[in-house]
Amino acid sequence: MKSNKTIALSLLLLTAQFTAAQWGRHQTQKEPDPIVKSFVEEVENNSQLEELAFELIDVIGPRLVGSPEMEQANDWTVSKFKSWGIDAHKEEFGQWDSWQRGITHIEMTWPRVKSLEGMQLAWSPATKKPVESEVIIMPQFKNEAEFKNWLPKVKGKFVLIDQYQRWGRPDYQMKEFATEEDYQLIKEQRKADEDAYKELIKNTGHSKNELPVVFEDSGAAGIIGSNWTGIMGANRIFGAKTKKIPTIDLSVEDYGLLYRLAQHNKAPKIKVYAESKSNGKSKSFNTIAVIPGKEKPNEYVVLSAHLDSWDGAGGATDNGTGTITMMETARILKKLYPNNKRTIIIGLWGSEEQGLNGSGSFVKDNPEIVKNIQAVFNQDNGTGRIANISGQGFVHSYDYLGRWIDALPQAQKKHIETTYPGMPASGGSDNASFTAAGVPGIGLSSLNWGYFGYTWHTNRDTYDKIIFSEVKNNVIVAATLVYMACEEPEMVSREKRVMPEGVDWPESREPKRDGN
C-alpha cells in the first residue's frame, strides 16, 4: 500500500496535469448545446434580475434571522417561485429571537452640536426615550487590578470600546500618496496602536466580547464601537451583546472625534435615541422550491444560496446576489429545460450568518434526499462573475465537473479557473454543509469586487453595489451546470481524496435550532 505522502504527491501532480488539460480545453471553440444557447438568449433578452433585486433588497431590505423581514423574504420567494409554475414552500428548521430594527438618532451635544453617523447593532435594546450622557474612553490599563479600580467610572456613561484609528484612510491611499519614509512610519504606528489595544483588552481580564456585558452590569448608559473595515465609509454591523443598554456603531470619523475629545478631557456628551422591537421567539425557515425530475425523480441537483443577511444595509452582495442568481436560474430552467431528468431543488437557506444553520438542518432532516444528491451548486461571495471552481476534495471531480464546465459558452468558460481535486470546504458558506455529508457541494466562487473590504456584512451592502452583467454571467453558468448534472447518465463518484497529514475531512455539525 502506498503511503499517504506518496498518494498526496501523486494527487498534486495529477492536479497540475488536470489544470493544464482544463486550460487546453478552455481554448477550444465550439458551438454550444442548443439548450445552453437558449439559456444565454433568455438571460440577454428577458432577464428578471433587476426586478428581483429591487423587490428583495430595496423593498424587503435586510433579512436578519428571526426578523419579520426574513419571514417576509421567505413568503416573497415562495410566491415568486409559484408565479413561475415552480412548487415551493417554507420549511421550518428552528426558532430565533425576533428583533426588528427601528430608527437610530445619535447627536453630539457637547462641546458642540453635531449629528453623528451610526446605527444600533442587531438585537440592541431600545432606549424608549433619548438618553444623554458623557462619553468616556478606556485608559491603557497595566493590569486587571487597574481595570477593576477604574470600572465604577462607567456608571451612567457611554463607553468607547473599539480601537482608535489615527487615520481614517485606507492603506492603498497611504501607499499611493505618502512618501516611502512616511508610509513605513504609518505602517509601524498602526501596528503599534493595534498591539497597544490588544494589550489593553488583555489587561482587563476579559475578552472584547465580554466587556459590553461587564460595562452593562456596572451601570453604563451604552456601548459605542466602530467596527471599521479600513475602507472609507464601511463599517461591519453585527449583533449586540447587551440586554438592557444600547450598543451603537459609529463611523470611524465620528468615533475618532469623540475619542479625541474624551482623551483631551473635554467631556463630550452624546444623545442617543434607538427604536427597535423584540417580538419573542419566531420560527425560522428555509425556502425550498422543487422542479420534479421526469426520468429520475428521486435523484437531485441542488441550487443553493442563503437568503438571510446581517442588517446594516440591504444585504445586496451577501447574499442578495446569490439568491437572485438561483431564483433566476430556476425560472430559466423551468421555462427552457422542461424535461429535466433529475429533480432540481432550490434551497434558499436561513441563518447562514450564524453558522450555516438552515442548510445544516436541511442535511440533517432530509437524509433520503441527501444520499441521492448528484451535486450542489452554491453562490455566496458577491456580485462578481464566477471565476473559481474547486472539486471540493472529490477524487473524480475532474471527470464530471470538467465535462459540465466544458459545456459552458466560451464567454463564461474563459473566466473560470479550476482546481482538482481541491480541498473540502469546512465552513464559510452553505456548500460546506453538503460537502461534510459526502455530497459534492460545489462553491461557485466569484471575483472579489471589493467584497471583503467594502460590502461583506457592512453598512454599504446596497443595491447600487450590484454589477448585473456579472450576475447574468453567473446565471448562465449555474443553469448550464445544473442542466449538465441532470443529464449525467449516472450518479457521480463521491470518492474522497487522501487528506494531508493532520487534516481530516470536515464533519457534519449539529445546527443551532434555538437562537438568541
Protein backbone atom coordinates (compact mmCIF):
# COMPACT_ATOMS: atom_id res chain seq x y z
CA MET A 1 0.00 0.00 0.00
CA LYS A 2 1.29 3.49 -0.85
CA SER A 3 1.96 5.89 1.99
CA ASN A 4 -0.33 8.93 2.39
CA LYS A 5 2.54 11.24 1.44
CA THR A 6 3.17 9.32 -1.80
CA ILE A 7 -0.52 9.40 -2.69
CA ALA A 8 -0.76 13.09 -1.84
CA LEU A 9 2.25 13.83 -4.09
CA SER A 10 0.65 11.86 -6.91
CA LEU A 11 -2.57 13.82 -6.48
CA LEU A 12 -0.65 17.11 -6.64
CA LEU A 13 0.96 16.01 -9.91
CA LEU A 14 -2.42 14.96 -11.28
CA THR A 15 -3.89 18.30 -10.23
CA ALA A 16 -1.23 20.11 -12.24
CA GLN A 17 -1.93 17.86 -15.25
CA PHE A 18 -5.69 18.37 -14.90
CA THR A 19 -5.26 22.15 -14.69
CA ALA A 20 -3.16 22.12 -17.84
CA ALA A 21 -5.67 19.89 -19.61
CA GLN A 22 -8.52 22.10 -18.50
CA TRP A 23 -6.67 25.17 -19.79
CA GLY A 24 -6.19 23.48 -23.13
CA ARG A 25 -9.84 22.59 -23.34
CA HIS A 26 -10.82 26.15 -22.46
CA GLN A 27 -9.13 27.29 -25.63
CA THR A 28 -11.38 25.09 -27.74
CA GLN A 29 -14.15 26.96 -29.52
CA LYS A 30 -17.31 25.02 -30.25
CA GLU A 31 -20.98 25.63 -30.84
CA PRO A 32 -22.88 25.47 -27.53
CA ASP A 33 -25.62 22.96 -26.86
CA PRO A 34 -28.99 24.30 -28.14
CA ILE A 35 -30.45 24.32 -24.62
CA VAL A 36 -27.42 26.20 -23.28
CA LYS A 37 -27.75 28.61 -26.17
CA SER A 38 -31.38 29.20 -25.19
CA PHE A 39 -30.25 29.99 -21.63
CA VAL A 40 -27.93 32.68 -22.98
CA GLU A 41 -30.63 34.21 -25.15
CA GLU A 42 -33.11 34.31 -22.25
CA VAL A 43 -30.58 35.98 -19.94
CA GLU A 44 -29.64 38.54 -22.57
CA ASN A 45 -33.17 39.36 -23.72
CA ASN A 46 -35.51 38.69 -20.80
CA SER A 47 -33.57 38.98 -17.56
CA GLN A 48 -35.63 39.42 -14.39
CA LEU A 49 -32.58 40.07 -12.20
CA GLU A 50 -33.00 43.81 -11.68
CA GLU A 51 -36.64 43.48 -10.68
CA LEU A 52 -35.83 40.59 -8.33
CA ALA A 53 -33.02 42.59 -6.74
CA PHE A 54 -35.25 45.63 -6.32
CA GLU A 55 -38.02 43.67 -4.59
CA LEU A 56 -35.65 41.75 -2.33
CA ILE A 57 -33.08 44.39 -1.41
CA ASP A 58 -34.91 47.71 -1.64
CA VAL A 59 -38.49 46.73 -0.75
CA ILE A 60 -37.97 43.92 1.78
CA GLY A 61 -34.50 45.05 2.82
CA PRO A 62 -32.15 43.33 5.27
CA ARG A 63 -33.09 39.81 6.33
CA LEU A 64 -31.84 39.23 9.86
CA VAL A 65 -32.60 35.74 11.15
CA GLY A 66 -35.82 35.75 13.18
CA SER A 67 -36.92 39.18 11.96
CA PRO A 68 -40.29 39.90 10.32
CA GLU A 69 -38.33 40.91 7.19
CA MET A 70 -36.74 37.48 7.00
CA GLU A 71 -40.12 35.78 7.04
CA GLN A 72 -41.36 38.34 4.52
CA ALA A 73 -38.47 37.30 2.27
CA ASN A 74 -39.43 33.63 2.72
CA ASP A 75 -43.03 34.41 1.76
CA TRP A 76 -41.96 36.53 -1.22
CA THR A 77 -39.61 33.88 -2.61
CA VAL A 78 -42.28 31.19 -2.28
CA SER A 79 -44.79 33.42 -4.07
CA LYS A 80 -42.32 34.27 -6.82
CA PHE A 81 -41.43 30.63 -7.47
CA LYS A 82 -45.12 29.71 -7.64
CA SER A 83 -45.73 32.51 -10.15
CA TRP A 84 -43.24 30.73 -12.43
CA GLY A 85 -45.02 27.41 -12.05
CA ILE A 86 -42.47 26.03 -9.57
CA ASP A 87 -43.77 24.36 -6.42
CA ALA A 88 -42.30 25.99 -3.29
CA HIS A 89 -42.81 26.08 0.45
CA LYS A 90 -41.31 27.29 3.69
CA GLU A 91 -39.54 24.55 5.61
CA GLU A 92 -39.19 25.20 9.34
CA PHE A 93 -35.86 24.33 10.95
CA GLY A 94 -35.90 26.11 14.30
CA GLN A 95 -36.64 29.36 16.11
CA TRP A 96 -34.81 32.57 16.85
CA ASP A 97 -35.22 35.69 18.96
CA SER A 98 -37.26 38.03 16.78
CA TRP A 99 -35.91 41.59 16.62
CA GLN A 100 -36.90 44.38 14.29
CA ARG A 101 -34.73 47.43 13.69
CA GLY A 102 -36.16 50.91 14.10
CA ILE A 103 -34.57 54.33 13.75
CA THR A 104 -31.32 55.38 15.43
CA HIS A 105 -30.63 59.05 16.15
CA ILE A 106 -27.21 59.95 17.54
CA GLU A 107 -26.14 63.52 18.29
CA MET A 108 -23.14 65.09 19.97
CA THR A 109 -24.47 67.77 22.32
CA TRP A 110 -21.19 68.92 23.92
CA PRO A 111 -18.76 70.67 23.36
CA ARG A 112 -20.71 71.47 20.19
CA VAL A 113 -23.77 70.16 18.43
CA LYS A 114 -23.35 67.65 15.61
CA SER A 115 -25.35 64.80 14.10
CA LEU A 116 -23.30 61.60 14.22
CA GLU A 117 -23.24 58.82 11.63
CA GLY A 118 -24.04 55.45 13.10
CA MET A 119 -26.64 52.85 13.99
CA GLN A 120 -27.55 50.37 16.70
CA LEU A 121 -26.30 46.81 16.34
CA ALA A 122 -28.71 43.96 15.70
CA TRP A 123 -30.60 42.83 18.82
CA SER A 124 -29.61 46.03 20.64
CA PRO A 125 -32.13 47.06 23.32
CA ALA A 126 -34.21 50.13 22.55
CA THR A 127 -33.73 53.29 24.60
CA LYS A 128 -37.50 54.05 24.87
CA LYS A 129 -36.57 57.74 25.15
CA PRO A 130 -33.46 59.78 24.28
CA VAL A 131 -30.51 59.05 26.57
CA GLU A 132 -27.94 61.84 27.01
CA SER A 133 -24.66 61.35 28.82
CA GLU A 134 -20.92 61.84 28.80
CA VAL A 135 -18.62 59.68 26.66
CA ILE A 136 -15.51 58.12 28.21
CA ILE A 137 -12.61 56.03 26.89
CA MET A 138 -10.68 53.19 28.45
CA PRO A 139 -7.18 54.18 29.61
CA GLN A 140 -4.19 51.94 28.93
CA PHE A 141 -4.56 49.53 31.85
CA LYS A 142 -1.37 47.92 33.14
CA ASN A 143 -3.18 45.03 34.81
CA GLU A 144 -6.58 43.70 35.84
CA ALA A 145 -6.45 45.46 39.20
CA GLU A 146 -6.21 48.84 37.46
CA PHE A 147 -9.21 47.93 35.32
CA LYS A 148 -11.29 46.96 38.35
CA ASN A 149 -10.40 50.22 40.09
CA TRP A 150 -11.46 52.20 37.01
CA LEU A 151 -14.64 50.23 36.29
CA PRO A 152 -17.01 52.21 38.57
CA LYS A 153 -16.39 55.26 36.35
CA VAL A 154 -18.54 53.76 33.59
CA LYS A 155 -21.73 54.23 35.61
CA GLY A 156 -24.13 56.45 33.68
CA LYS A 157 -21.63 56.95 30.84
CA PHE A 158 -21.32 55.88 27.21
CA VAL A 159 -18.13 53.82 26.88
CA LEU A 160 -15.99 53.79 23.72
CA ILE A 161 -14.89 50.19 23.29
CA ASP A 162 -13.07 49.88 19.96
CA GLN A 163 -9.55 50.79 18.88
CA TYR A 164 -8.97 54.43 17.97
CA GLN A 165 -7.86 54.89 14.37
CA ARG A 166 -5.37 57.73 13.87
CA TRP A 167 -6.06 57.77 10.14
CA GLY A 168 -9.46 57.21 8.57
CA ARG A 169 -7.88 56.48 5.20
CA PRO A 170 -7.41 53.08 3.58
CA ASP A 171 -3.96 51.61 3.29
CA TYR A 172 -3.98 51.81 -0.52
CA GLN A 173 -4.22 55.62 -0.33
CA MET A 174 -1.38 55.79 2.12
CA LYS A 175 0.72 53.61 -0.13
CA GLU A 176 -0.10 55.63 -3.25
CA PHE A 177 0.41 59.15 -1.92
CA ALA A 178 2.76 59.04 1.08
CA THR A 179 6.50 59.11 0.71
CA GLU A 180 8.19 55.76 1.25
CA GLU A 181 9.50 57.00 4.59
CA ASP A 182 6.10 58.25 5.76
CA TYR A 183 4.33 55.11 4.59
CA GLN A 184 6.72 52.96 6.58
CA LEU A 185 6.17 55.13 9.67
CA ILE A 186 2.39 54.94 9.21
CA LYS A 187 2.51 51.14 8.99
CA GLU A 188 4.66 50.95 12.10
CA GLN A 189 2.36 53.29 14.02
CA ARG A 190 -0.74 51.35 13.01
CA LYS A 191 0.90 48.13 14.17
CA ALA A 192 1.92 49.74 17.47
CA ASP A 193 -1.62 51.06 18.01
CA GLU A 194 -3.08 47.63 17.29
CA ASP A 195 -0.68 45.95 19.71
CA ALA A 196 -1.41 48.52 22.42
CA TYR A 197 -5.16 47.97 22.03
CA LYS A 198 -4.76 44.19 22.27
CA GLU A 199 -2.68 44.69 25.42
CA LEU A 200 -5.35 46.99 26.86
CA ILE A 201 -8.07 44.37 26.32
CA LYS A 202 -5.87 41.60 27.72
CA ASN A 203 -5.18 43.59 30.87
CA THR A 204 -8.89 43.98 31.65
CA GLY A 205 -9.05 40.24 32.31
CA HIS A 206 -11.91 39.93 29.83
CA SER A 207 -12.32 39.29 26.14
CA LYS A 208 -13.61 42.08 23.94
CA ASN A 209 -16.88 40.17 23.54
CA GLU A 210 -17.29 40.05 27.32
CA LEU A 211 -16.63 43.73 28.00
CA PRO A 212 -20.02 45.11 26.84
CA VAL A 213 -21.77 42.92 29.41
CA VAL A 214 -19.24 43.87 32.10
CA PHE A 215 -19.92 47.55 31.41
CA GLU A 216 -23.69 46.96 31.32
CA ASP A 217 -23.54 45.20 34.69
CA SER A 218 -21.53 48.16 36.05
CA GLY A 219 -24.23 50.67 35.10
CA ALA A 220 -23.00 52.09 31.79
CA ALA A 221 -25.51 54.11 29.75
CA GLY A 222 -24.46 52.47 26.50
CA ILE A 223 -21.66 50.92 24.44
CA ILE A 224 -20.13 52.78 21.49
CA GLY A 225 -17.98 50.98 18.94
CA SER A 226 -16.63 51.43 15.42
CA ASN A 227 -16.06 48.20 13.52
CA TRP A 228 -14.27 49.90 10.64
CA THR A 229 -13.21 47.77 7.67
CA GLY A 230 -10.32 50.01 6.64
CA ILE A 231 -12.34 51.36 3.68
CA MET A 232 -13.78 54.86 3.94
CA GLY A 233 -17.45 54.76 4.95
CA ALA A 234 -17.67 50.99 5.51
CA ASN A 235 -18.30 49.51 8.96
CA ARG A 236 -19.31 45.95 9.78
CA ILE A 237 -22.62 45.69 11.62
CA PHE A 238 -23.07 42.57 13.75
CA GLY A 239 -25.04 41.77 16.90
CA ALA A 240 -25.17 43.43 20.31
CA LYS A 241 -24.04 41.59 23.43
CA THR A 242 -26.01 43.81 25.81
CA LYS A 243 -29.53 43.07 27.05
CA LYS A 244 -30.55 46.35 28.71
CA ILE A 245 -28.49 49.19 27.25
CA PRO A 246 -27.95 50.22 23.61
CA THR A 247 -24.91 49.18 21.61
CA ILE A 248 -24.09 51.64 18.84
CA ASP A 249 -21.64 51.53 15.94
CA LEU A 250 -20.28 54.91 14.77
CA SER A 251 -18.40 55.84 11.62
CA VAL A 252 -14.62 55.89 12.02
CA GLU A 253 -14.70 59.69 11.68
CA ASP A 254 -17.28 60.35 14.40
CA TYR A 255 -15.84 57.70 16.69
CA GLY A 256 -12.44 59.34 16.34
CA LEU A 257 -13.94 62.75 17.10
CA LEU A 258 -15.47 61.54 20.38
CA TYR A 259 -12.30 59.66 21.29
CA ARG A 260 -10.05 62.68 20.87
CA LEU A 261 -12.42 64.94 22.81
CA ALA A 262 -12.55 62.46 25.69
CA GLN A 263 -8.79 61.92 25.51
CA HIS A 264 -8.26 65.67 25.91
CA ASN A 265 -10.65 65.90 28.86
CA LYS A 266 -13.37 67.85 27.01
CA ALA A 267 -16.08 65.59 28.47
CA PRO A 268 -18.05 65.13 25.25
CA LYS A 269 -21.72 64.31 25.55
CA ILE A 270 -23.99 62.48 23.14
CA LYS A 271 -27.73 61.88 22.94
CA VAL A 272 -28.94 58.52 21.64
CA TYR A 273 -32.46 57.54 20.65
CA ALA A 274 -32.75 53.98 19.38
CA GLU A 275 -36.02 52.29 18.46
CA SER A 276 -36.43 48.54 17.99
CA LYS A 277 -38.94 45.80 18.68
CA SER A 278 -38.34 42.49 20.39
CA ASN A 279 -41.08 40.06 19.41
CA GLY A 280 -40.19 36.96 21.40
CA LYS A 281 -39.37 33.75 19.60
CA SER A 282 -40.02 33.47 15.87
CA LYS A 283 -39.95 30.39 13.66
CA SER A 284 -37.04 30.15 11.25
CA PHE A 285 -37.47 28.81 7.73
CA ASN A 286 -35.67 27.78 4.59
CA THR A 287 -37.39 28.42 1.28
CA ILE A 288 -37.45 25.19 -0.70
CA ALA A 289 -38.56 25.06 -4.35
CA VAL A 290 -38.76 21.88 -6.43
CA ILE A 291 -38.87 21.10 -10.16
CA PRO A 292 -39.62 17.35 -10.28
CA GLY A 293 -37.40 15.15 -12.42
CA LYS A 294 -39.00 13.42 -15.37
CA GLU A 295 -36.80 10.28 -15.54
CA LYS A 296 -35.04 10.07 -12.17
CA PRO A 297 -37.27 11.97 -9.75
CA ASN A 298 -35.54 10.51 -6.69
CA GLU A 299 -32.14 11.88 -7.69
CA TYR A 300 -31.42 15.55 -7.11
CA VAL A 301 -29.42 18.54 -8.24
CA VAL A 302 -29.44 21.48 -5.85
CA LEU A 303 -29.19 25.23 -6.44
CA SER A 304 -28.04 26.81 -3.18
CA ALA A 305 -27.81 30.31 -1.70
CA HIS A 306 -28.55 31.79 1.69
CA LEU A 307 -31.46 34.19 1.93
CA ASP A 308 -30.66 35.75 5.30
CA SER A 309 -28.28 38.66 5.87
CA TRP A 310 -26.95 40.94 8.54
CA ASP A 311 -28.97 44.11 8.75
CA GLY A 312 -26.59 47.06 8.50
CA ALA A 313 -27.74 47.54 4.89
CA GLY A 314 -29.83 45.69 2.30
CA GLY A 315 -27.74 42.52 2.13
CA ALA A 316 -27.16 43.08 -1.59
CA THR A 317 -23.95 41.15 -2.18
CA ASP A 318 -24.25 38.96 0.90
CA ASN A 319 -26.26 37.29 -0.26
CA GLY A 320 -28.88 39.02 -2.34
CA THR A 321 -26.87 38.39 -5.50
CA GLY A 322 -26.60 34.68 -4.74
CA THR A 323 -30.32 34.49 -4.02
CA ILE A 324 -31.43 36.23 -7.22
CA THR A 325 -28.92 34.18 -9.23
CA MET A 326 -30.50 30.95 -8.06
CA MET A 327 -34.06 32.26 -8.44
CA GLU A 328 -33.41 33.47 -11.99
CA THR A 329 -31.65 30.19 -12.81
CA ALA A 330 -34.69 28.27 -11.58
CA ARG A 331 -37.03 30.42 -13.67
CA ILE A 332 -34.97 29.81 -16.79
CA LEU A 333 -34.64 26.06 -16.19
CA LYS A 334 -38.36 25.74 -15.67
CA LYS A 335 -39.04 27.63 -18.91
CA LEU A 336 -36.36 26.22 -21.20
CA TYR A 337 -35.48 22.78 -19.80
CA PRO A 338 -38.90 21.16 -19.41
CA ASN A 339 -37.63 17.57 -19.47
CA ASN A 340 -35.13 17.74 -16.64
CA LYS A 341 -34.12 14.17 -15.91
CA ARG A 342 -33.37 14.66 -12.21
CA THR A 343 -35.32 16.69 -9.69
CA ILE A 344 -33.99 20.21 -9.24
CA ILE A 345 -34.17 21.61 -5.70
CA ILE A 346 -33.64 25.28 -5.00
CA GLY A 347 -32.61 25.88 -1.38
CA LEU A 348 -32.63 29.46 -0.08
CA TRP A 349 -31.27 28.98 3.41
CA GLY A 350 -31.91 30.81 6.65
CA SER A 351 -29.41 31.58 9.41
CA GLU A 352 -26.30 31.03 7.31
CA GLU A 353 -24.74 34.02 9.04
CA GLN A 354 -24.96 32.35 12.45
CA GLY A 355 -23.25 29.14 11.32
CA LEU A 356 -24.88 27.50 8.27
CA ASN A 357 -27.90 26.55 10.37
CA GLY A 358 -30.52 26.44 7.64
CA SER A 359 -28.56 24.29 5.21
CA GLY A 360 -27.18 22.19 8.05
CA SER A 361 -30.72 21.49 9.23
CA PHE A 362 -31.81 20.52 5.73
CA VAL A 363 -28.96 18.00 5.54
CA LYS A 364 -29.87 16.53 8.94
CA ASP A 365 -33.63 16.49 8.30
CA ASN A 366 -33.60 15.02 4.78
CA PRO A 367 -31.22 12.03 4.72
CA GLU A 368 -33.12 10.29 1.91
CA ILE A 369 -32.68 13.33 -0.32
CA VAL A 370 -29.07 13.94 0.68
CA LYS A 371 -27.93 10.42 -0.15
CA ASN A 372 -29.26 10.87 -3.70
CA ILE A 373 -27.93 14.36 -4.47
CA GLN A 374 -25.86 14.47 -7.64
CA ALA A 375 -24.32 17.87 -6.87
CA VAL A 376 -24.96 21.14 -5.08
CA PHE A 377 -24.09 24.49 -6.68
CA ASN A 378 -23.75 27.31 -4.16
CA GLN A 379 -23.06 31.01 -4.71
CA ASP A 380 -22.31 33.37 -1.85
CA ASN A 381 -19.40 35.77 -2.28
CA GLY A 382 -20.63 38.84 -4.02
CA THR A 383 -21.58 40.33 -7.33
CA GLY A 384 -18.56 39.27 -9.40
CA ARG A 385 -18.52 36.75 -12.22
CA ILE A 386 -17.75 33.18 -11.29
CA ALA A 387 -14.01 32.75 -11.57
CA ASN A 388 -13.01 29.72 -9.46
CA ILE A 389 -14.46 26.25 -9.09
CA SER A 390 -12.91 23.54 -6.94
CA GLY A 391 -13.56 19.84 -6.91
CA GLN A 392 -14.05 20.11 -3.13
CA GLY A 393 -11.78 17.18 -2.44
CA PHE A 394 -13.63 14.57 -4.53
CA VAL A 395 -11.11 12.44 -6.39
CA HIS A 396 -13.06 12.12 -9.63
CA SER A 397 -14.43 15.67 -9.69
CA TYR A 398 -12.39 16.42 -12.80
CA ASP A 399 -14.27 13.73 -14.72
CA TYR A 400 -17.71 15.20 -14.23
CA LEU A 401 -17.04 18.88 -13.44
CA GLY A 402 -14.67 19.00 -16.38
CA ARG A 403 -17.42 17.83 -18.72
CA TRP A 404 -20.02 20.13 -17.22
CA ILE A 405 -17.79 23.20 -17.36
CA ASP A 406 -16.80 22.32 -20.91
CA ALA A 407 -20.45 22.77 -21.92
CA LEU A 408 -20.35 26.45 -20.94
CA PRO A 409 -20.23 29.07 -23.68
CA GLN A 410 -16.71 30.38 -24.21
CA ALA A 411 -17.75 33.80 -22.90
CA GLN A 412 -18.33 32.26 -19.46
CA LYS A 413 -15.82 29.40 -19.56
CA LYS A 414 -12.83 31.63 -20.26
CA HIS A 415 -13.13 33.32 -16.87
CA ILE A 416 -13.12 30.14 -14.78
CA GLU A 417 -10.07 28.59 -13.17
CA THR A 418 -10.46 25.08 -11.78
CA THR A 419 -8.70 23.10 -9.06
CA TYR A 420 -8.96 19.30 -8.90
CA PRO A 421 -9.50 17.56 -6.64
CA GLY A 422 -9.15 20.58 -4.37
CA MET A 423 -9.95 20.59 -0.66
CA PRO A 424 -13.35 20.22 1.01
CA ALA A 425 -14.94 23.38 2.39
CA SER A 426 -15.03 23.28 6.18
CA GLY A 427 -17.21 26.36 6.59
CA GLY A 428 -17.73 29.77 5.07
CA SER A 429 -20.91 29.02 3.14
CA ASP A 430 -23.68 26.50 2.73
CA ASN A 431 -21.94 24.16 0.29
CA ALA A 432 -19.86 23.10 3.31
CA SER A 433 -22.95 21.58 4.95
CA PHE A 434 -23.30 19.21 1.99
CA THR A 435 -19.60 18.51 1.47
CA ALA A 436 -19.30 17.45 5.12
CA ALA A 437 -22.06 14.93 4.43
CA GLY A 438 -20.08 13.50 1.47
CA VAL A 439 -22.05 15.33 -1.22
CA PRO A 440 -20.20 17.28 -3.95
CA GLY A 441 -21.02 20.76 -2.64
CA ILE A 442 -19.55 22.98 -5.34
CA GLY A 443 -18.87 26.61 -4.48
CA LEU A 444 -19.22 28.95 -7.45
CA SER A 445 -16.63 31.47 -6.31
CA SER A 446 -16.84 34.98 -7.71
CA LEU A 447 -14.38 37.75 -8.38
CA ASN A 448 -13.86 39.96 -5.36
CA TRP A 449 -15.15 43.41 -6.48
CA GLY A 450 -14.10 44.75 -3.06
CA TYR A 451 -16.39 42.28 -1.32
CA PHE A 452 -14.49 41.59 1.87
CA GLY A 453 -13.38 45.16 2.47
CA TYR A 454 -16.39 47.11 1.28
CA THR A 455 -19.69 45.20 1.32
CA TRP A 456 -19.34 41.99 3.35
CA HIS A 457 -21.53 42.47 6.45
CA THR A 458 -21.26 46.26 6.18
CA ASN A 459 -23.48 49.32 6.14
CA ARG A 460 -22.62 49.75 2.44
CA ASP A 461 -24.02 46.45 1.12
CA THR A 462 -26.69 48.09 -1.00
CA TYR A 463 -28.44 47.61 -4.36
CA ASP A 464 -26.11 50.01 -6.17
CA LYS A 465 -23.14 47.69 -5.50
CA ILE A 466 -24.58 45.01 -7.81
CA ILE A 467 -22.99 44.61 -11.25
CA PHE A 468 -25.83 43.00 -13.16
CA SER A 469 -23.75 41.99 -16.19
CA GLU A 470 -21.66 39.85 -13.83
CA VAL A 471 -24.73 38.32 -12.21
CA LYS A 472 -26.17 37.50 -15.65
CA ASN A 473 -22.95 35.66 -16.40
CA ASN A 474 -23.44 33.64 -13.21
CA VAL A 475 -26.99 32.67 -14.15
CA ILE A 476 -25.72 31.22 -17.41
CA VAL A 477 -23.04 29.27 -15.54
CA ALA A 478 -25.44 27.95 -12.89
CA ALA A 479 -28.13 26.98 -15.39
CA THR A 480 -25.65 25.14 -17.59
CA LEU A 481 -24.06 23.25 -14.70
CA VAL A 482 -27.46 22.16 -13.39
CA TYR A 483 -28.53 21.09 -16.87
CA MET A 484 -25.37 19.02 -17.33
CA ALA A 485 -25.62 17.47 -13.86
CA CYS A 486 -29.22 16.49 -14.59
CA GLU A 487 -28.23 14.94 -17.93
CA GLU A 488 -25.27 12.99 -16.50
CA PRO A 489 -26.08 9.30 -17.19
CA GLU A 490 -25.12 8.00 -13.73
CA MET A 491 -24.64 9.37 -10.24
CA VAL A 492 -21.15 10.81 -9.94
CA SER A 493 -18.47 9.34 -7.71
CA ARG A 494 -18.24 10.55 -4.11
CA GLU A 495 -14.79 9.09 -3.51
CA LYS A 496 -12.84 11.45 -1.27
CA ARG A 497 -9.24 12.45 -1.65
CA VAL A 498 -6.47 11.42 0.72
CA MET A 499 -6.23 14.38 3.10
CA PRO A 500 -2.89 15.95 4.02
CA GLU A 501 -1.30 14.68 7.20
CA GLY A 502 -3.04 16.11 10.25
CA VAL A 503 -6.09 17.30 8.30
CA ASP A 504 -9.42 15.45 8.42
CA TRP A 505 -12.43 15.60 6.16
CA PRO A 506 -14.90 18.08 7.73
CA GLU A 507 -17.56 16.54 9.95
CA SER A 508 -21.24 17.40 9.81
CA ARG A 509 -22.06 19.73 12.69
CA GLU A 510 -25.29 19.87 14.63
CA PRO A 511 -27.07 23.05 13.52
CA LYS A 512 -28.31 25.60 16.03
CA ARG A 513 -32.08 25.48 16.09
CA ASP A 514 -32.91 27.77 19.02
CA GLY A 515 -31.11 31.09 18.65
CA ASN A 516 -30.91 34.08 20.97
